[in-house]
Amino acid sequence: MQNILFDFISRYVDLNEDEKNALIELDIFKSFKKGTVLLEQGQKSSDGYFVLEGCLRTYYVIDGEEKTTAFYTELEGITPHCVLTKEPSEYYVTCVEDCILSVANPDMEVEIFTKFPKFEKMCMVLSEELLVKQQIDFDAFKTSSPEQRYLNLLEKRPDLIQRVPQHQLASFLGITPQSLSRLRARLQKKR
């Protein structure tokens, strides 16, 4: 597990053995079963997650209906808003599949940043990259039709089609499961 994380980190900074051991000593690697709710609406949390294996989903419950906002798969991380605001969460974070995650909190980050300042720089770069990606994704979602959103998903994240239940995928695309079925059938006929 830790080698997956170390390989990812090495894209940004070189790690020596002391730095690797410091990360291992934090005991940040955790396994979760499919269906595990990591964060509930109304709950406070200080945990952020980095996916080593598996898939996480964030969603809101609005008028009794789940509205999926994101999926996080291998080498993607999420720090729920409530970690930063210290307020109760407005949404849920659940495991779509069995997951192996790196779970950390701000106190752990301060400890690592104090011992190894280059991690702070790496996290700033990662945050900037994530912010740009989220803005591009948001703009693409707001300016595209459901069919364009689905085609974009097929192009950029085809693994989700097989990994995620259709009703969650439809919610993520902003359509009903029935509309997603019709959309798929229509696209099949075009091929």
N, C-alpha and C. Protein backbone atom coordinates (compact mmCIF):
# COMPACT_ATOMS: atom_id res chain seq x y z
N MET A 1 0.82 -1.20 0.00
CA MET A 1 0.00 0.00 0.00
C MET A 1 0.86 1.26 0.00
N GLN A 2 1.82 1.29 0.91
CA GLN A 2 2.61 2.50 1.04
C GLN A 2 3.41 2.80 -0.22
N ASN A 3 3.79 1.77 -0.98
CA ASN A 3 4.56 2.02 -2.20
C ASN A 3 3.74 2.78 -3.24
N ILE A 4 2.43 2.53 -3.27
CA ILE A 4 1.57 3.28 -4.19
C ILE A 4 1.63 4.76 -3.83
N LEU A 5 1.52 5.06 -2.54
CA LEU A 5 1.58 6.45 -2.10
C LEU A 5 2.96 7.04 -2.36
N PHE A 6 4.00 6.30 -2.05
CA PHE A 6 5.37 6.81 -2.26
C PHE A 6 5.64 7.07 -3.74
N ASP A 7 5.15 6.19 -4.60
CA ASP A 7 5.33 6.42 -6.05
C ASP A 7 4.62 7.69 -6.48
N PHE A 8 3.42 7.91 -5.96
CA PHE A 8 2.68 9.12 -6.28
C PHE A 8 3.44 10.37 -5.80
N ILE A 9 3.88 10.35 -4.56
CA ILE A 9 4.61 11.49 -4.00
C ILE A 9 5.88 11.78 -4.79
N SER A 10 6.53 10.72 -5.27
CA SER A 10 7.80 10.90 -5.99
C SER A 10 7.61 11.65 -7.31
N ARG A 11 6.37 11.78 -7.77
CA ARG A 11 6.11 12.61 -8.95
C ARG A 11 6.38 14.08 -8.65
N TYR A 12 6.32 14.44 -7.37
CA TYR A 12 6.43 15.83 -6.96
C TYR A 12 7.72 16.13 -6.18
N VAL A 13 8.09 15.22 -5.29
CA VAL A 13 9.31 15.40 -4.49
C VAL A 13 9.98 14.05 -4.27
N ASP A 14 11.29 14.07 -4.07
CA ASP A 14 12.03 12.85 -3.75
C ASP A 14 11.92 12.59 -2.25
N LEU A 15 11.72 11.32 -1.91
CA LEU A 15 11.63 10.94 -0.50
C LEU A 15 12.87 10.16 -0.10
N ASN A 16 13.42 10.51 1.06
CA ASN A 16 14.50 9.69 1.61
C ASN A 16 13.87 8.69 2.59
N GLU A 17 14.67 7.82 3.13
CA GLU A 17 14.14 6.76 4.02
C GLU A 17 13.51 7.34 5.29
N ASP A 18 14.10 8.42 5.83
CA ASP A 18 13.53 9.04 7.03
C ASP A 18 12.12 9.56 6.76
N GLU A 19 11.93 10.16 5.61
CA GLU A 19 10.62 10.71 5.25
C GLU A 19 9.61 9.59 5.03
N LYS A 20 10.04 8.54 4.38
CA LYS A 20 9.15 7.38 4.18
C LYS A 20 8.76 6.78 5.53
N ASN A 21 9.73 6.61 6.40
CA ASN A 21 9.45 6.03 7.72
C ASN A 21 8.53 6.92 8.55
N ALA A 22 8.71 8.24 8.43
CA ALA A 22 7.84 9.17 9.17
C ALA A 22 6.39 9.01 8.72
N LEU A 23 6.18 8.84 7.43
CA LEU A 23 4.82 8.62 6.92
C LEU A 23 4.25 7.29 7.41
N ILE A 24 5.07 6.25 7.37
CA ILE A 24 4.62 4.93 7.83
C ILE A 24 4.23 4.97 9.30
N GLU A 25 5.02 5.69 10.11
CA GLU A 25 4.77 5.78 11.56
C GLU A 25 3.45 6.47 11.89
N LEU A 26 2.94 7.27 10.98
CA LEU A 26 1.66 7.95 11.22
C LEU A 26 0.47 6.99 11.20
N ASP A 27 0.68 5.77 10.71
CA ASP A 27 -0.39 4.77 10.67
C ASP A 27 -1.60 5.30 9.91
N ILE A 28 -1.36 5.73 8.66
CA ILE A 28 -2.40 6.38 7.87
C ILE A 28 -3.12 5.44 6.90
N PHE A 29 -2.69 4.21 6.78
CA PHE A 29 -3.28 3.30 5.79
C PHE A 29 -4.41 2.49 6.43
N LYS A 30 -5.60 2.62 5.83
CA LYS A 30 -6.80 1.96 6.38
C LYS A 30 -7.58 1.27 5.26
N SER A 31 -8.21 0.15 5.59
CA SER A 31 -9.06 -0.57 4.66
C SER A 31 -10.52 -0.39 5.07
N PHE A 32 -11.39 -0.24 4.05
CA PHE A 32 -12.82 -0.06 4.29
C PHE A 32 -13.60 -0.92 3.31
N LYS A 33 -14.69 -1.49 3.76
CA LYS A 33 -15.54 -2.32 2.92
C LYS A 33 -16.48 -1.47 2.07
N LYS A 34 -16.87 -2.04 0.94
CA LYS A 34 -17.87 -1.41 0.08
C LYS A 34 -19.10 -1.07 0.91
N GLY A 35 -19.63 0.14 0.71
CA GLY A 35 -20.82 0.57 1.44
C GLY A 35 -20.53 1.32 2.73
N THR A 36 -19.26 1.33 3.16
CA THR A 36 -18.91 2.05 4.39
C THR A 36 -19.17 3.54 4.21
N VAL A 37 -19.84 4.13 5.18
CA VAL A 37 -20.06 5.57 5.19
C VAL A 37 -18.92 6.19 5.99
N LEU A 38 -18.07 6.96 5.32
CA LEU A 38 -16.94 7.60 5.98
C LEU A 38 -17.34 8.91 6.64
N LEU A 39 -18.35 9.57 6.07
CA LEU A 39 -18.81 10.85 6.59
C LEU A 39 -20.30 10.99 6.28
N GLU A 40 -21.06 11.36 7.29
CA GLU A 40 -22.50 11.58 7.11
C GLU A 40 -22.83 13.06 7.14
N GLN A 41 -23.90 13.42 6.46
CA GLN A 41 -24.42 14.77 6.53
C GLN A 41 -24.70 15.09 8.00
N GLY A 42 -24.25 16.26 8.46
CA GLY A 42 -24.46 16.66 9.84
C GLY A 42 -23.35 16.25 10.78
N GLN A 43 -22.43 15.43 10.32
CA GLN A 43 -21.32 14.95 11.14
C GLN A 43 -20.11 15.87 10.97
N LYS A 44 -19.35 16.05 12.04
CA LYS A 44 -18.09 16.77 11.96
C LYS A 44 -16.97 15.75 11.78
N SER A 45 -15.91 16.14 11.09
CA SER A 45 -14.79 15.25 10.86
C SER A 45 -13.52 16.05 10.68
N SER A 46 -12.41 15.41 10.95
CA SER A 46 -11.12 16.04 10.70
C SER A 46 -10.30 15.20 9.72
N ASP A 47 -10.94 14.21 9.10
CA ASP A 47 -10.21 13.29 8.22
C ASP A 47 -10.31 13.66 6.75
N GLY A 48 -9.17 13.61 6.08
CA GLY A 48 -9.10 13.70 4.63
C GLY A 48 -8.69 12.34 4.11
N TYR A 49 -9.01 12.05 2.87
CA TYR A 49 -8.79 10.72 2.31
C TYR A 49 -8.03 10.80 0.99
N PHE A 50 -7.12 9.84 0.80
CA PHE A 50 -6.41 9.69 -0.46
C PHE A 50 -6.60 8.24 -0.88
N VAL A 51 -7.15 8.02 -2.07
CA VAL A 51 -7.51 6.67 -2.51
C VAL A 51 -6.29 5.96 -3.10
N LEU A 52 -5.93 4.84 -2.48
CA LEU A 52 -4.87 3.99 -3.01
C LEU A 52 -5.47 2.89 -3.87
N GLU A 53 -6.60 2.35 -3.42
CA GLU A 53 -7.38 1.39 -4.20
C GLU A 53 -8.85 1.62 -3.89
N GLY A 54 -9.70 1.49 -4.92
CA GLY A 54 -11.13 1.60 -4.69
C GLY A 54 -11.73 2.88 -5.25
N CYS A 55 -12.96 3.16 -4.80
CA CYS A 55 -13.71 4.31 -5.30
C CYS A 55 -14.57 4.89 -4.18
N LEU A 56 -14.47 6.21 -4.00
CA LEU A 56 -15.31 6.93 -3.05
C LEU A 56 -16.32 7.76 -3.83
N ARG A 57 -17.44 8.05 -3.17
CA ARG A 57 -18.48 8.90 -3.77
C ARG A 57 -18.89 9.95 -2.76
N THR A 58 -19.09 11.17 -3.24
CA THR A 58 -19.69 12.21 -2.41
C THR A 58 -21.09 12.49 -2.95
N TYR A 59 -22.03 12.71 -2.03
CA TYR A 59 -23.39 13.01 -2.46
C TYR A 59 -24.14 13.77 -1.37
N TYR A 60 -25.11 14.53 -1.81
CA TYR A 60 -26.04 15.24 -0.95
C TYR A 60 -27.36 14.47 -0.98
N VAL A 61 -28.15 14.62 0.07
CA VAL A 61 -29.52 14.12 0.06
C VAL A 61 -30.42 15.35 0.07
N ILE A 62 -31.16 15.52 -1.04
CA ILE A 62 -32.03 16.68 -1.22
C ILE A 62 -33.45 16.16 -1.47
N ASP A 63 -34.35 16.54 -0.60
CA ASP A 63 -35.74 16.07 -0.68
C ASP A 63 -35.80 14.55 -0.77
N GLY A 64 -34.97 13.88 0.01
CA GLY A 64 -34.96 12.43 0.07
C GLY A 64 -34.26 11.74 -1.09
N GLU A 65 -33.68 12.50 -2.00
CA GLU A 65 -33.03 11.94 -3.18
C GLU A 65 -31.52 12.21 -3.13
N GLU A 66 -30.73 11.17 -3.43
CA GLU A 66 -29.28 11.31 -3.46
C GLU A 66 -28.84 12.03 -4.74
N LYS A 67 -27.99 13.03 -4.57
CA LYS A 67 -27.43 13.79 -5.69
C LYS A 67 -25.91 13.62 -5.65
N THR A 68 -25.38 12.76 -6.51
CA THR A 68 -23.95 12.49 -6.54
C THR A 68 -23.20 13.67 -7.14
N THR A 69 -22.15 14.09 -6.44
CA THR A 69 -21.37 15.23 -6.91
C THR A 69 -19.99 14.84 -7.41
N ALA A 70 -19.44 13.71 -6.94
CA ALA A 70 -18.10 13.34 -7.38
C ALA A 70 -17.79 11.89 -7.05
N PHE A 71 -16.85 11.35 -7.83
CA PHE A 71 -16.25 10.05 -7.55
C PHE A 71 -14.74 10.25 -7.45
N TYR A 72 -14.14 9.56 -6.52
CA TYR A 72 -12.69 9.63 -6.32
C TYR A 72 -12.13 8.22 -6.43
N THR A 73 -11.20 8.02 -7.35
CA THR A 73 -10.60 6.71 -7.55
C THR A 73 -9.09 6.80 -7.31
N GLU A 74 -8.38 5.78 -7.67
CA GLU A 74 -6.96 5.66 -7.37
C GLU A 74 -6.19 6.95 -7.65
N LEU A 75 -5.38 7.32 -6.66
CA LEU A 75 -4.50 8.48 -6.69
C LEU A 75 -5.24 9.81 -6.74
N GLU A 76 -6.46 9.81 -6.18
CA GLU A 76 -7.22 11.05 -6.01
C GLU A 76 -7.54 11.22 -4.53
N GLY A 77 -7.59 12.45 -4.11
CA GLY A 77 -7.85 12.72 -2.70
C GLY A 77 -9.02 13.65 -2.50
N ILE A 78 -9.59 13.58 -1.31
CA ILE A 78 -10.68 14.47 -0.93
C ILE A 78 -10.48 14.90 0.52
N THR A 79 -10.56 16.20 0.71
CA THR A 79 -10.64 16.76 2.06
C THR A 79 -12.02 17.40 2.17
N PRO A 80 -12.93 16.75 2.89
CA PRO A 80 -14.28 17.31 3.01
C PRO A 80 -14.24 18.74 3.56
N HIS A 81 -15.19 19.55 3.09
CA HIS A 81 -15.25 20.96 3.51
C HIS A 81 -15.27 21.10 5.02
N CYS A 82 -15.94 20.18 5.70
CA CYS A 82 -16.10 20.30 7.15
C CYS A 82 -14.77 20.20 7.90
N VAL A 83 -13.77 19.59 7.27
CA VAL A 83 -12.45 19.52 7.90
C VAL A 83 -11.88 20.93 8.04
N LEU A 84 -12.09 21.74 7.03
CA LEU A 84 -11.54 23.10 7.03
C LEU A 84 -12.43 24.08 7.78
N THR A 85 -13.75 23.92 7.64
CA THR A 85 -14.68 24.88 8.26
C THR A 85 -14.99 24.56 9.72
N LYS A 86 -14.73 23.32 10.12
CA LYS A 86 -15.06 22.84 11.47
C LYS A 86 -16.56 22.81 11.74
N GLU A 87 -17.35 22.93 10.67
CA GLU A 87 -18.81 22.87 10.74
C GLU A 87 -19.26 21.46 10.39
N PRO A 88 -20.51 21.09 10.71
CA PRO A 88 -21.02 19.79 10.29
C PRO A 88 -21.03 19.67 8.76
N SER A 89 -20.81 18.47 8.28
CA SER A 89 -20.78 18.23 6.83
C SER A 89 -22.16 18.41 6.22
N GLU A 90 -22.17 18.91 5.01
CA GLU A 90 -23.43 19.06 4.27
C GLU A 90 -23.68 17.87 3.36
N TYR A 91 -22.71 16.96 3.26
CA TYR A 91 -22.84 15.83 2.34
C TYR A 91 -22.25 14.56 2.94
N TYR A 92 -22.41 13.47 2.20
CA TYR A 92 -21.91 12.15 2.59
C TYR A 92 -20.67 11.80 1.77
N VAL A 93 -19.81 10.97 2.37
CA VAL A 93 -18.70 10.34 1.65
C VAL A 93 -18.81 8.84 1.95
N THR A 94 -18.94 8.04 0.88
CA THR A 94 -19.09 6.59 1.05
C THR A 94 -18.15 5.84 0.12
N CYS A 95 -17.94 4.57 0.46
CA CYS A 95 -17.12 3.68 -0.36
C CYS A 95 -18.01 2.96 -1.37
N VAL A 96 -17.76 3.19 -2.65
CA VAL A 96 -18.50 2.51 -3.72
C VAL A 96 -17.97 1.09 -3.88
N GLU A 97 -16.70 0.90 -3.56
CA GLU A 97 -16.01 -0.40 -3.65
C GLU A 97 -15.24 -0.60 -2.34
N ASP A 98 -14.71 -1.81 -2.15
CA ASP A 98 -13.74 -1.99 -1.07
C ASP A 98 -12.60 -1.02 -1.34
N CYS A 99 -12.11 -0.36 -0.29
CA CYS A 99 -11.10 0.69 -0.48
C CYS A 99 -9.91 0.50 0.45
N ILE A 100 -8.77 0.91 -0.03
CA ILE A 100 -7.59 1.12 0.79
C ILE A 100 -7.28 2.60 0.66
N LEU A 101 -7.31 3.29 1.80
CA LEU A 101 -7.16 4.74 1.81
C LEU A 101 -6.02 5.16 2.72
N SER A 102 -5.45 6.28 2.40
CA SER A 102 -4.59 6.99 3.33
C SER A 102 -5.51 7.99 4.02
N VAL A 103 -5.58 7.92 5.34
CA VAL A 103 -6.48 8.79 6.11
C VAL A 103 -5.61 9.68 7.00
N ALA A 104 -5.75 10.99 6.82
CA ALA A 104 -4.94 11.93 7.59
C ALA A 104 -5.80 13.08 8.08
N ASN A 105 -5.28 13.78 9.08
CA ASN A 105 -5.97 14.96 9.60
C ASN A 105 -4.99 16.13 9.66
N PRO A 106 -5.49 17.34 9.88
CA PRO A 106 -4.61 18.51 9.89
C PRO A 106 -3.46 18.43 10.89
N ASP A 107 -3.67 17.79 12.05
CA ASP A 107 -2.58 17.67 13.03
C ASP A 107 -1.43 16.83 12.46
N MET A 108 -1.78 15.75 11.74
CA MET A 108 -0.74 14.93 11.11
C MET A 108 0.02 15.74 10.06
N GLU A 109 -0.74 16.54 9.30
CA GLU A 109 -0.10 17.36 8.26
C GLU A 109 0.88 18.36 8.88
N VAL A 110 0.48 19.00 9.97
CA VAL A 110 1.37 19.96 10.64
C VAL A 110 2.64 19.26 11.09
N GLU A 111 2.48 18.07 11.65
CA GLU A 111 3.64 17.30 12.12
C GLU A 111 4.59 17.00 10.96
N ILE A 112 4.03 16.53 9.86
CA ILE A 112 4.86 16.20 8.70
C ILE A 112 5.48 17.46 8.10
N PHE A 113 4.69 18.52 7.96
CA PHE A 113 5.21 19.77 7.38
C PHE A 113 6.34 20.35 8.23
N THR A 114 6.23 20.20 9.55
CA THR A 114 7.27 20.71 10.45
C THR A 114 8.55 19.91 10.28
N LYS A 115 8.43 18.60 10.22
CA LYS A 115 9.61 17.74 10.07
C LYS A 115 10.20 17.80 8.66
N PHE A 116 9.31 17.89 7.66
CA PHE A 116 9.74 17.81 6.26
C PHE A 116 9.03 18.89 5.45
N PRO A 117 9.58 20.11 5.42
CA PRO A 117 8.93 21.24 4.75
C PRO A 117 8.59 21.01 3.27
N LYS A 118 9.31 20.14 2.60
CA LYS A 118 9.02 19.94 1.18
C LYS A 118 7.63 19.35 0.94
N PHE A 119 7.07 18.68 1.96
CA PHE A 119 5.71 18.14 1.82
C PHE A 119 4.69 19.27 1.70
N GLU A 120 4.94 20.37 2.40
CA GLU A 120 4.02 21.50 2.32
C GLU A 120 4.01 22.07 0.91
N LYS A 121 5.18 22.18 0.32
CA LYS A 121 5.27 22.68 -1.05
C LYS A 121 4.54 21.73 -2.00
N MET A 122 4.75 20.42 -1.81
CA MET A 122 4.08 19.43 -2.65
C MET A 122 2.56 19.56 -2.53
N CYS A 123 2.07 19.74 -1.31
CA CYS A 123 0.62 19.86 -1.09
C CYS A 123 0.07 21.13 -1.72
N MET A 124 0.85 22.20 -1.73
CA MET A 124 0.41 23.43 -2.40
C MET A 124 0.26 23.20 -3.90
N VAL A 125 1.23 22.51 -4.49
CA VAL A 125 1.16 22.21 -5.93
C VAL A 125 -0.04 21.32 -6.22
N LEU A 126 -0.24 20.29 -5.39
CA LEU A 126 -1.39 19.40 -5.57
C LEU A 126 -2.70 20.17 -5.44
N SER A 127 -2.79 21.07 -4.48
CA SER A 127 -4.01 21.87 -4.29
C SER A 127 -4.29 22.74 -5.51
N GLU A 128 -3.24 23.34 -6.05
CA GLU A 128 -3.41 24.17 -7.24
C GLU A 128 -3.89 23.33 -8.42
N GLU A 129 -3.29 22.15 -8.60
CA GLU A 129 -3.70 21.26 -9.69
C GLU A 129 -5.15 20.85 -9.52
N LEU A 130 -5.54 20.52 -8.30
CA LEU A 130 -6.91 20.10 -8.03
C LEU A 130 -7.90 21.23 -8.29
N LEU A 131 -7.55 22.43 -7.87
CA LEU A 131 -8.41 23.58 -8.09
C LEU A 131 -8.65 23.82 -9.58
N VAL A 132 -7.60 23.75 -10.37
CA VAL A 132 -7.72 23.92 -11.82
C VAL A 132 -8.60 22.83 -12.42
N LYS A 133 -8.35 21.57 -12.01
CA LYS A 133 -9.13 20.44 -12.53
C LYS A 133 -10.61 20.61 -12.18
N GLN A 134 -10.89 20.99 -10.94
CA GLN A 134 -12.28 21.15 -10.53
C GLN A 134 -12.97 22.29 -11.30
N GLN A 135 -12.25 23.36 -11.57
CA GLN A 135 -12.84 24.46 -12.32
C GLN A 135 -13.15 24.03 -13.75
N ILE A 136 -12.24 23.30 -14.37
CA ILE A 136 -12.46 22.79 -15.73
C ILE A 136 -13.65 21.84 -15.75
N ASP A 137 -13.71 20.92 -14.77
CA ASP A 137 -14.82 19.97 -14.70
C ASP A 137 -16.15 20.68 -14.47
N PHE A 138 -16.16 21.67 -13.58
CA PHE A 138 -17.39 22.41 -13.29
C PHE A 138 -17.87 23.16 -14.54
N ASP A 139 -16.94 23.85 -15.21
CA ASP A 139 -17.30 24.58 -16.42
C ASP A 139 -17.84 23.63 -17.49
N ALA A 140 -17.17 22.49 -17.67
CA ALA A 140 -17.62 21.52 -18.68
C ALA A 140 -19.02 21.00 -18.34
N PHE A 141 -19.27 20.75 -17.07
CA PHE A 141 -20.59 20.26 -16.65
C PHE A 141 -21.67 21.30 -16.91
N LYS A 142 -21.40 22.55 -16.54
CA LYS A 142 -22.40 23.61 -16.67
C LYS A 142 -22.70 23.97 -18.13
N THR A 143 -21.75 23.74 -19.02
CA THR A 143 -21.93 24.18 -20.41
C THR A 143 -22.24 23.04 -21.38
N SER A 144 -22.46 21.85 -20.86
CA SER A 144 -22.70 20.72 -21.76
C SER A 144 -24.06 20.07 -21.52
N SER A 145 -24.53 19.38 -22.54
CA SER A 145 -25.79 18.64 -22.44
C SER A 145 -25.51 17.31 -21.73
N PRO A 146 -26.57 16.63 -21.28
CA PRO A 146 -26.36 15.31 -20.67
C PRO A 146 -25.60 14.35 -21.59
N GLU A 147 -25.91 14.38 -22.90
CA GLU A 147 -25.19 13.51 -23.83
C GLU A 147 -23.71 13.88 -23.87
N GLN A 148 -23.39 15.15 -23.91
CA GLN A 148 -21.99 15.58 -23.91
C GLN A 148 -21.29 15.20 -22.61
N ARG A 149 -22.01 15.30 -21.49
CA ARG A 149 -21.43 14.90 -20.19
C ARG A 149 -21.09 13.41 -20.19
N TYR A 150 -22.00 12.60 -20.73
CA TYR A 150 -21.77 11.17 -20.78
C TYR A 150 -20.59 10.84 -21.71
N LEU A 151 -20.55 11.47 -22.87
CA LEU A 151 -19.44 11.23 -23.80
C LEU A 151 -18.11 11.69 -23.19
N ASN A 152 -18.14 12.78 -22.46
CA ASN A 152 -16.95 13.27 -21.77
C ASN A 152 -16.49 12.27 -20.71
N LEU A 153 -17.45 11.70 -20.00
CA LEU A 153 -17.15 10.69 -18.99
C LEU A 153 -16.54 9.45 -19.65
N LEU A 154 -17.11 9.03 -20.78
CA LEU A 154 -16.55 7.89 -21.51
C LEU A 154 -15.11 8.14 -21.93
N GLU A 155 -14.82 9.38 -22.29
CA GLU A 155 -13.48 9.72 -22.76
C GLU A 155 -12.48 9.86 -21.61
N LYS A 156 -12.90 10.54 -20.54
CA LYS A 156 -11.96 10.89 -19.48
C LYS A 156 -11.92 9.92 -18.30
N ARG A 157 -13.06 9.25 -18.03
CA ARG A 157 -13.13 8.35 -16.87
C ARG A 157 -13.93 7.09 -17.21
N PRO A 158 -13.52 6.38 -18.27
CA PRO A 158 -14.30 5.21 -18.70
C PRO A 158 -14.42 4.12 -17.64
N ASP A 159 -13.47 4.06 -16.72
CA ASP A 159 -13.53 3.04 -15.66
C ASP A 159 -14.78 3.18 -14.81
N LEU A 160 -15.29 4.40 -14.65
CA LEU A 160 -16.47 4.61 -13.81
C LEU A 160 -17.70 3.89 -14.36
N ILE A 161 -17.77 3.74 -15.68
CA ILE A 161 -18.93 3.10 -16.30
C ILE A 161 -19.09 1.68 -15.75
N GLN A 162 -17.99 0.98 -15.52
CA GLN A 162 -18.03 -0.40 -15.01
C GLN A 162 -18.04 -0.47 -13.48
N ARG A 163 -17.51 0.54 -12.83
CA ARG A 163 -17.30 0.49 -11.38
C ARG A 163 -18.46 1.01 -10.56
N VAL A 164 -19.28 1.87 -11.14
CA VAL A 164 -20.28 2.61 -10.38
C VAL A 164 -21.68 2.16 -10.79
N PRO A 165 -22.59 1.95 -9.83
CA PRO A 165 -23.97 1.60 -10.18
C PRO A 165 -24.61 2.67 -11.08
N GLN A 166 -25.46 2.23 -11.99
CA GLN A 166 -26.06 3.13 -12.98
C GLN A 166 -26.81 4.29 -12.33
N HIS A 167 -27.54 4.04 -11.24
CA HIS A 167 -28.31 5.13 -10.63
C HIS A 167 -27.39 6.22 -10.06
N GLN A 168 -26.20 5.82 -9.56
CA GLN A 168 -25.24 6.81 -9.06
C GLN A 168 -24.59 7.57 -10.22
N LEU A 169 -24.31 6.86 -11.28
CA LEU A 169 -23.73 7.48 -12.48
C LEU A 169 -24.72 8.49 -13.08
N ALA A 170 -25.98 8.11 -13.15
CA ALA A 170 -27.01 9.01 -13.68
C ALA A 170 -27.11 10.27 -12.82
N SER A 171 -27.11 10.09 -11.51
CA SER A 171 -27.17 11.23 -10.60
C SER A 171 -25.97 12.15 -10.82
N PHE A 172 -24.80 11.58 -10.99
CA PHE A 172 -23.58 12.35 -11.24
C PHE A 172 -23.70 13.17 -12.53
N LEU A 173 -24.35 12.59 -13.53
CA LEU A 173 -24.53 13.27 -14.82
C LEU A 173 -25.70 14.27 -14.80
N GLY A 174 -26.48 14.25 -13.73
CA GLY A 174 -27.59 15.18 -13.60
C GLY A 174 -28.84 14.73 -14.32
N ILE A 175 -28.99 13.39 -14.50
CA ILE A 175 -30.16 12.84 -15.19
C ILE A 175 -30.72 11.66 -14.40
N THR A 176 -31.87 11.16 -14.81
CA THR A 176 -32.45 9.98 -14.15
C THR A 176 -31.83 8.71 -14.72
N PRO A 177 -31.91 7.60 -14.00
CA PRO A 177 -31.42 6.33 -14.54
C PRO A 177 -32.11 5.96 -15.86
N GLN A 178 -33.40 6.27 -15.98
CA GLN A 178 -34.13 5.96 -17.20
C GLN A 178 -33.58 6.78 -18.38
N SER A 179 -33.28 8.06 -18.13
CA SER A 179 -32.70 8.90 -19.17
C SER A 179 -31.32 8.40 -19.58
N LEU A 180 -30.56 7.91 -18.61
CA LEU A 180 -29.24 7.36 -18.92
C LEU A 180 -29.38 6.11 -19.80
N SER A 181 -30.35 5.26 -19.49
CA SER A 181 -30.59 4.07 -20.32
C SER A 181 -30.95 4.45 -21.74
N ARG A 182 -31.85 5.42 -21.90
CA ARG A 182 -32.25 5.89 -23.24
C ARG A 182 -31.06 6.50 -23.97
N LEU A 183 -30.25 7.27 -23.25
CA LEU A 183 -29.07 7.89 -23.84
C LEU A 183 -28.09 6.84 -24.34
N ARG A 184 -27.84 5.82 -23.54
CA ARG A 184 -26.94 4.74 -23.95
C ARG A 184 -27.48 4.02 -25.19
N ALA A 185 -28.78 3.75 -25.19
CA ALA A 185 -29.39 3.06 -26.33
C ALA A 185 -29.29 3.90 -27.60
N ARG A 186 -29.53 5.19 -27.46
CA ARG A 186 -29.43 6.10 -28.60
C ARG A 186 -28.00 6.14 -29.16
N LEU A 187 -27.04 6.17 -28.27
CA LEU A 187 -25.62 6.21 -28.71
C LEU A 187 -25.22 4.88 -29.36
N GLN A 188 -25.75 3.77 -28.87
CA GLN A 188 -25.47 2.46 -29.46
C GLN A 188 -25.98 2.40 -30.89
N LYS A 189 -27.16 2.96 -31.13
CA LYS A 189 -27.74 2.95 -32.47
C LYS A 189 -26.90 3.78 -33.44
N LYS A 190 -26.28 4.85 -32.94
CA LYS A 190 -25.45 5.69 -33.80
C LYS A 190 -24.17 4.99 -34.25
N ARG A 191 -23.72 4.02 -33.47
CA ARG A 191 -22.47 3.34 -33.78
C ARG A 191 -22.68 2.33 -34.82
